[in-house]
Amino acid sequence: MDTPERAEAVFQRSISEALGYIELAQHCHKRALDATAMRKAALRALQRFSDNDELIDAMYDADMRADMEADNY
């Protein structure tokens, strides 16, 4: 039979583990936002400095697909 002290220790350990997962999720979310910002900047630069319409269209399509996939999560 568990003692109240053991139950409290298990509870505290569970809380610590949950906080670790939250921290990891926040880190992953920030990295995803950073990647999105870089992708958008690359697309803007490509649109501004490139005459290759096929490449611009392909990058735009890839950007739109990435946005739609991100919306699914």
PDB file of N, CA and C in Angstrom:
ATOM      1  N   MET A   1       0.849  -1.183   0.000  1.00  0.00           N
ATOM      2  CA  MET A   1       0.000   0.000   0.000  1.00  0.00           C
ATOM      3  C   MET A   1       0.891   1.242   0.000  1.00  0.00           C
ATOM      4  N   ASP A   2       0.562   2.218  -0.838  1.00  0.00           N
ATOM      5  CA  ASP A   2       1.354   3.435  -0.930  1.00  0.00           C
ATOM      6  C   ASP A   2       1.077   4.346   0.253  1.00  0.00           C
ATOM      7  N   THR A   3       2.130   4.996   0.647  1.00  0.00           N
ATOM      8  CA  THR A   3       1.984   5.985   1.713  1.00  0.00           C
ATOM      9  C   THR A   3       1.658   7.329   1.074  1.00  0.00           C
ATOM     10  N   PRO A   4       1.124   8.255   1.854  1.00  0.00           N
ATOM     11  CA  PRO A   4       0.857   9.589   1.302  1.00  0.00           C
ATOM     12  C   PRO A   4       2.139  10.258   0.771  1.00  0.00           C
ATOM     13  N   GLU A   5       3.258   9.991   1.433  1.00  0.00           N
ATOM     14  CA  GLU A   5       4.524  10.583   0.993  1.00  0.00           C
ATOM     15  C   GLU A   5       4.933  10.041  -0.373  1.00  0.00           C
ATOM     16  N   ARG A   6       4.756   8.745  -0.547  1.00  0.00           N
ATOM     17  CA  ARG A   6       5.101   8.135  -1.843  1.00  0.00           C
ATOM     18  C   ARG A   6       4.166   8.643  -2.934  1.00  0.00           C
ATOM     19  N   ALA A   7       2.895   8.744  -2.624  1.00  0.00           N
ATOM     20  CA  ALA A   7       1.936   9.265  -3.595  1.00  0.00           C
ATOM     21  C   ALA A   7       2.301  10.699  -3.983  1.00  0.00           C
ATOM     22  N   GLU A   8       2.698  11.495  -3.008  1.00  0.00           N
ATOM     23  CA  GLU A   8       3.112  12.876  -3.283  1.00  0.00           C
ATOM     24  C   GLU A   8       4.356  12.906  -4.162  1.00  0.00           C
ATOM     25  N   ALA A   9       5.314  12.028  -3.899  1.00  0.00           N
ATOM     26  CA  ALA A   9       6.540  11.974  -4.704  1.00  0.00           C
ATOM     27  C   ALA A   9       6.224  11.583  -6.148  1.00  0.00           C
ATOM     28  N   VAL A  10       5.352  10.610  -6.312  1.00  0.00           N
ATOM     29  CA  VAL A  10       4.961  10.190  -7.664  1.00  0.00           C
ATOM     30  C   VAL A  10       4.244  11.335  -8.377  1.00  0.00           C
ATOM     31  N   PHE A  11       3.374  12.018  -7.663  1.00  0.00           N
ATOM     32  CA  PHE A  11       2.657  13.155  -8.233  1.00  0.00           C
ATOM     33  C   PHE A  11       3.632  14.249  -8.667  1.00  0.00           C
ATOM     34  N   GLN A  12       4.581  14.581  -7.801  1.00  0.00           N
ATOM     35  CA  GLN A  12       5.567  15.621  -8.124  1.00  0.00           C
ATOM     36  C   GLN A  12       6.415  15.222  -9.332  1.00  0.00           C
ATOM     37  N   ARG A  13       6.797  13.961  -9.389  1.00  0.00           N
ATOM     38  CA  ARG A  13       7.582  13.475 -10.528  1.00  0.00           C
ATOM     39  C   ARG A  13       6.759  13.573 -11.812  1.00  0.00           C
ATOM     40  N   SER A  14       5.488  13.253 -11.728  1.00  0.00           N
ATOM     41  CA  SER A  14       4.604  13.357 -12.896  1.00  0.00           C
ATOM     42  C   SER A  14       4.468  14.807 -13.354  1.00  0.00           C
ATOM     43  N   ILE A  15       4.347  15.712 -12.405  1.00  0.00           N
ATOM     44  CA  ILE A  15       4.263  17.140 -12.731  1.00  0.00           C
ATOM     45  C   ILE A  15       5.549  17.597 -13.406  1.00  0.00           C
ATOM     46  N   SER A  16       6.693  17.194 -12.872  1.00  0.00           N
ATOM     47  CA  SER A  16       7.979  17.572 -13.467  1.00  0.00           C
ATOM     48  C   SER A  16       8.102  17.041 -14.887  1.00  0.00           C
ATOM     49  N   GLU A  17       7.681  15.816 -15.096  1.00  0.00           N
ATOM     50  CA  GLU A  17       7.740  15.220 -16.432  1.00  0.00           C
ATOM     51  C   GLU A  17       6.811  15.965 -17.392  1.00  0.00           C
ATOM     52  N   ALA A  18       5.617  16.298 -16.944  1.00  0.00           N
ATOM     53  CA  ALA A  18       4.673  17.040 -17.787  1.00  0.00           C
ATOM     54  C   ALA A  18       5.239  18.409 -18.153  1.00  0.00           C
ATOM     55  N   LEU A  19       5.866  19.081 -17.195  1.00  0.00           N
ATOM     56  CA  LEU A  19       6.474  20.384 -17.475  1.00  0.00           C
ATOM     57  C   LEU A  19       7.604  20.253 -18.491  1.00  0.00           C
ATOM     58  N   GLY A  20       8.346  19.162 -18.414  1.00  0.00           N
ATOM     59  CA  GLY A  20       9.401  18.910 -19.397  1.00  0.00           C
ATOM     60  C   GLY A  20       8.828  18.757 -20.793  1.00  0.00           C
ATOM     61  N   TYR A  21       7.717  18.044 -20.919  1.00  0.00           N
ATOM     62  CA  TYR A  21       7.069  17.882 -22.225  1.00  0.00           C
ATOM     63  C   TYR A  21       6.525  19.213 -22.744  1.00  0.00           C
ATOM     64  N   ILE A  22       5.988  20.024 -21.849  1.00  0.00           N
ATOM     65  CA  ILE A  22       5.495  21.346 -22.255  1.00  0.00           C
ATOM     66  C   ILE A  22       6.647  22.201 -22.762  1.00  0.00           C
ATOM     67  N   GLU A  23       7.763  22.175 -22.048  1.00  0.00           N
ATOM     68  CA  GLU A  23       8.944  22.934 -22.469  1.00  0.00           C
ATOM     69  C   GLU A  23       9.435  22.463 -23.841  1.00  0.00           C
ATOM     70  N   LEU A  24       9.459  21.154 -24.047  1.00  0.00           N
ATOM     71  CA  LEU A  24       9.871  20.608 -25.340  1.00  0.00           C
ATOM     72  C   LEU A  24       8.910  21.049 -26.446  1.00  0.00           C
ATOM     73  N   ALA A  25       7.622  21.016 -26.174  1.00  0.00           N
ATOM     74  CA  ALA A  25       6.628  21.440 -27.168  1.00  0.00           C
ATOM     75  C   ALA A  25       6.799  22.918 -27.508  1.00  0.00           C
ATOM     76  N   GLN A  26       7.070  23.744 -26.502  1.00  0.00           N
ATOM     77  CA  GLN A  26       7.280  25.166 -26.752  1.00  0.00           C
ATOM     78  C   GLN A  26       8.521  25.382 -27.615  1.00  0.00           C
ATOM     79  N   HIS A  27       9.572  24.636 -27.332  1.00  0.00           N
ATOM     80  CA  HIS A  27      10.803  24.740 -28.118  1.00  0.00           C
ATOM     81  C   HIS A  27      10.539  24.342 -29.572  1.00  0.00           C
ATOM     82  N   CYS A  28       9.826  23.242 -29.767  1.00  0.00           N
ATOM     83  CA  CYS A  28       9.508  22.776 -31.125  1.00  0.00           C
ATOM     84  C   CYS A  28       8.643  23.791 -31.862  1.00  0.00           C
ATOM     85  N   HIS A  29       7.698  24.389 -31.158  1.00  0.00           N
ATOM     86  CA  HIS A  29       6.825  25.389 -31.770  1.00  0.00           C
ATOM     87  C   HIS A  29       7.636  26.605 -32.212  1.00  0.00           C
ATOM     88  N   LYS A  30       8.569  27.047 -31.365  1.00  0.00           N
ATOM     89  CA  LYS A  30       9.418  28.185 -31.720  1.00  0.00           C
ATOM     90  C   LYS A  30      10.261  27.861 -32.942  1.00  0.00           C
ATOM     91  N   ARG A  31      10.813  26.658 -32.980  1.00  0.00           N
ATOM     92  CA  ARG A  31      11.616  26.260 -34.142  1.00  0.00           C
ATOM     93  C   ARG A  31      10.766  26.231 -35.411  1.00  0.00           C
ATOM     94  N   ALA A  32       9.537  25.776 -35.291  1.00  0.00           N
ATOM     95  CA  ALA A  32       8.641  25.751 -36.455  1.00  0.00           C
ATOM     96  C   ALA A  32       8.334  27.171 -36.925  1.00  0.00           C
ATOM     97  N   LEU A  33       8.116  28.083 -35.978  1.00  0.00           N
ATOM     98  CA  LEU A  33       7.873  29.478 -36.352  1.00  0.00           C
ATOM     99  C   LEU A  33       9.099  30.081 -37.020  1.00  0.00           C
ATOM    100  N   ASP A  34      10.292  29.775 -36.490  1.00  0.00           N
ATOM    101  CA  ASP A  34      11.535  30.259 -37.100  1.00  0.00           C
ATOM    102  C   ASP A  34      11.675  29.729 -38.523  1.00  0.00           C
ATOM    103  N   ALA A  35      11.392  28.453 -38.714  1.00  0.00           N
ATOM    104  CA  ALA A  35      11.504  27.848 -40.046  1.00  0.00           C
ATOM    105  C   ALA A  35      10.497  28.476 -41.007  1.00  0.00           C
ATOM    106  N   THR A  36       9.294  28.744 -40.523  1.00  0.00           N
ATOM    107  CA  THR A  36       8.280  29.378 -41.364  1.00  0.00           C
ATOM    108  C   THR A  36       8.727  30.776 -41.770  1.00  0.00           C
ATOM    109  N   ALA A  37       9.261  31.528 -40.830  1.00  0.00           N
ATOM    110  CA  ALA A  37       9.734  32.881 -41.142  1.00  0.00           C
ATOM    111  C   ALA A  37      10.858  32.845 -42.168  1.00  0.00           C
ATOM    112  N   MET A  38      11.771  31.902 -42.030  1.00  0.00           N
ATOM    113  CA  MET A  38      12.872  31.791 -42.990  1.00  0.00           C
ATOM    114  C   MET A  38      12.343  31.389 -44.365  1.00  0.00           C
ATOM    115  N   ARG A  39      11.376  30.479 -44.400  1.00  0.00           N
ATOM    116  CA  ARG A  39      10.793  30.054 -45.673  1.00  0.00           C
ATOM    117  C   ARG A  39      10.103  31.223 -46.364  1.00  0.00           C
ATOM    118  N   LYS A  40       9.377  32.025 -45.596  1.00  0.00           N
ATOM    119  CA  LYS A  40       8.682  33.185 -46.163  1.00  0.00           C
ATOM    120  C   LYS A  40       9.691  34.212 -46.675  1.00  0.00           C
ATOM    121  N   ALA A  41      10.767  34.437 -45.933  1.00  0.00           N
ATOM    122  CA  ALA A  41      11.796  35.388 -46.364  1.00  0.00           C
ATOM    123  C   ALA A  41      12.479  34.914 -47.643  1.00  0.00           C
ATOM    124  N   ALA A  42      12.747  33.628 -47.731  1.00  0.00           N
ATOM    125  CA  ALA A  42      13.373  33.079 -48.940  1.00  0.00           C
ATOM    126  C   ALA A  42      12.446  33.247 -50.143  1.00  0.00           C
ATOM    127  N   LEU A  43      11.168  33.025 -49.946  1.00  0.00           N
ATOM    128  CA  LEU A  43      10.208  33.185 -51.037  1.00  0.00           C
ATOM    129  C   LEU A  43      10.140  34.646 -51.486  1.00  0.00           C
ATOM    130  N   ARG A  44      10.111  35.574 -50.527  1.00  0.00           N
ATOM    131  CA  ARG A  44      10.089  36.999 -50.884  1.00  0.00           C
ATOM    132  C   ARG A  44      11.348  37.390 -51.657  1.00  0.00           C
ATOM    133  N   ALA A  45      12.504  36.899 -51.197  1.00  0.00           N
ATOM    134  CA  ALA A  45      13.759  37.208 -51.891  1.00  0.00           C
ATOM    135  C   ALA A  45      13.751  36.627 -53.297  1.00  0.00           C
ATOM    136  N   LEU A  46      13.274  35.414 -53.425  1.00  0.00           N
ATOM    137  CA  LEU A  46      13.209  34.776 -54.739  1.00  0.00           C
ATOM    138  C   LEU A  46      12.289  35.568 -55.671  1.00  0.00           C
ATOM    139  N   GLN A  47      11.152  35.993 -55.162  1.00  0.00           N
ATOM    140  CA  GLN A  47      10.215  36.764 -55.982  1.00  0.00           C
ATOM    141  C   GLN A  47      10.828  38.097 -56.411  1.00  0.00           C
ATOM    142  N   ARG A  48      11.620  38.671 -55.533  1.00  0.00           N
ATOM    143  CA  ARG A  48      12.198  39.987 -55.824  1.00  0.00           C
ATOM    144  C   ARG A  48      13.373  39.913 -56.792  1.00  0.00           C
ATOM    145  N   PHE A  49      14.207  38.883 -56.647  1.00  0.00           N
ATOM    146  CA  PHE A  49      15.472  38.871 -57.372  1.00  0.00           C
ATOM    147  C   PHE A  49      15.568  37.838 -58.490  1.00  0.00           C
ATOM    148  N   SER A  50      14.549  37.031 -58.678  1.00  0.00           N
ATOM    149  CA  SER A  50      14.645  35.977 -59.687  1.00  0.00           C
ATOM    150  C   SER A  50      13.692  36.243 -60.846  1.00  0.00           C
ATOM    151  N   ASP A  51      14.143  35.879 -62.021  1.00  0.00           N
ATOM    152  CA  ASP A  51      13.294  35.963 -63.205  1.00  0.00           C
ATOM    153  C   ASP A  51      12.722  34.594 -63.571  1.00  0.00           C
ATOM    154  N   ASN A  52      13.038  33.584 -62.777  1.00  0.00           N
ATOM    155  CA  ASN A  52      12.627  32.218 -63.073  1.00  0.00           C
ATOM    156  C   ASN A  52      11.220  31.981 -62.510  1.00  0.00           C
ATOM    157  N   ASP A  53      10.217  32.202 -63.350  1.00  0.00           N
ATOM    158  CA  ASP A  53       8.827  32.080 -62.900  1.00  0.00           C
ATOM    159  C   ASP A  53       8.470  30.659 -62.472  1.00  0.00           C
ATOM    160  N   GLU A  54       9.046  29.661 -63.139  1.00  0.00           N
ATOM    161  CA  GLU A  54       8.764  28.272 -62.756  1.00  0.00           C
ATOM    162  C   GLU A  54       9.262  27.984 -61.346  1.00  0.00           C
ATOM    163  N   LEU A  55      10.448  28.473 -61.023  1.00  0.00           N
ATOM    164  CA  LEU A  55      11.009  28.270 -59.686  1.00  0.00           C
ATOM    165  C   LEU A  55      10.181  29.008 -58.640  1.00  0.00           C
ATOM    166  N   ILE A  56       9.787  30.230 -58.952  1.00  0.00           N
ATOM    167  CA  ILE A  56       8.957  31.004 -58.022  1.00  0.00           C
ATOM    168  C   ILE A  56       7.633  30.287 -57.779  1.00  0.00           C
ATOM    169  N   ASP A  57       6.999  29.804 -58.846  1.00  0.00           N
ATOM    170  CA  ASP A  57       5.732  29.076 -58.697  1.00  0.00           C
ATOM    171  C   ASP A  57       5.910  27.811 -57.862  1.00  0.00           C
ATOM    172  N   ALA A  58       6.997  27.086 -58.097  1.00  0.00           N
ATOM    173  CA  ALA A  58       7.260  25.858 -57.334  1.00  0.00           C
ATOM    174  C   ALA A  58       7.479  26.177 -55.860  1.00  0.00           C
ATOM    175  N   MET A  59       8.231  27.243 -55.576  1.00  0.00           N
ATOM    176  CA  MET A  59       8.467  27.633 -54.178  1.00  0.00           C
ATOM    177  C   MET A  59       7.165  28.090 -53.526  1.00  0.00           C
ATOM    178  N   TYR A  60       6.351  28.829 -54.265  1.00  0.00           N
ATOM    179  CA  TYR A  60       5.072  29.288 -53.737  1.00  0.00           C
ATOM    180  C   TYR A  60       4.172  28.095 -53.412  1.00  0.00           C
ATOM    181  N   ASP A  61       4.114  27.138 -54.320  1.00  0.00           N
ATOM    182  CA  ASP A  61       3.313  25.931 -54.083  1.00  0.00           C
ATOM    183  C   ASP A  61       3.818  25.156 -52.869  1.00  0.00           C
ATOM    184  N   ALA A  62       5.135  25.020 -52.752  1.00  0.00           N
ATOM    185  CA  ALA A  62       5.718  24.313 -51.602  1.00  0.00           C
ATOM    186  C   ALA A  62       5.404  25.053 -50.306  1.00  0.00           C
ATOM    187  N   ASP A  63       5.449  26.375 -50.358  1.00  0.00           N
ATOM    188  CA  ASP A  63       5.138  27.189 -49.181  1.00  0.00           C
ATOM    189  C   ASP A  63       3.682  27.006 -48.771  1.00  0.00           C
ATOM    190  N   MET A  64       2.793  26.997 -49.741  1.00  0.00           N
ATOM    191  CA  MET A  64       1.373  26.804 -49.445  1.00  0.00           C
ATOM    192  C   MET A  64       1.119  25.413 -48.854  1.00  0.00           C
ATOM    193  N   ARG A  65       1.770  24.392 -49.403  1.00  0.00           N
ATOM    194  CA  ARG A  65       1.615  23.025 -48.864  1.00  0.00           C
ATOM    195  C   ARG A  65       2.128  22.959 -47.426  1.00  0.00           C
ATOM    196  N   ALA A  66       3.255  23.609 -47.168  1.00  0.00           N
ATOM    197  CA  ALA A  66       3.808  23.604 -45.812  1.00  0.00           C
ATOM    198  C   ALA A  66       2.852  24.290 -44.842  1.00  0.00           C
ATOM    199  N   ASP A  67       2.249  25.393 -45.274  1.00  0.00           N
ATOM    200  CA  ASP A  67       1.274  26.079 -44.420  1.00  0.00           C
ATOM    201  C   ASP A  67       0.061  25.193 -44.141  1.00  0.00           C
ATOM    202  N   MET A  68      -0.427  24.497 -45.170  1.00  0.00           N
ATOM    203  CA  MET A  68      -1.589  23.622 -44.982  1.00  0.00           C
ATOM    204  C   MET A  68      -1.249  22.460 -44.050  1.00  0.00           C
ATOM    205  N   GLU A  69      -0.052  21.894 -44.185  1.00  0.00           N
ATOM    206  CA  GLU A  69       0.353  20.807 -43.297  1.00  0.00           C
ATOM    207  C   GLU A  69       0.473  21.302 -41.864  1.00  0.00           C
ATOM    208  N   ALA A  70       1.009  22.501 -41.692  1.00  0.00           N
ATOM    209  CA  ALA A  70       1.142  23.063 -40.345  1.00  0.00           C
ATOM    210  C   ALA A  70      -0.229  23.292 -39.719  1.00  0.00           C
ATOM    211  N   ASP A  71      -1.199  23.689 -40.539  1.00  0.00           N
ATOM    212  CA  ASP A  71      -2.556  23.900 -40.024  1.00  0.00           C
ATOM    213  C   ASP A  71      -3.193  22.606 -39.541  1.00  0.00           C
ATOM    214  N   ASN A  72      -2.749  21.474 -40.090  1.00  0.00           N
ATOM    215  CA  ASN A  72      -3.302  20.180 -39.686  1.00  0.00           C
ATOM    216  C   ASN A  72      -2.803  19.741 -38.319  1.00  0.00           C
ATOM    217  N   TYR A  73      -1.753  20.366 -37.812  1.00  0.00           N
ATOM    218  CA  TYR A  73      -1.230  19.988 -36.503  1.00  0.00           C
ATOM    219  C   TYR A  73      -1.742  20.942 -35.521  1.00  0.00           C
TER     220      TYR A  73
END
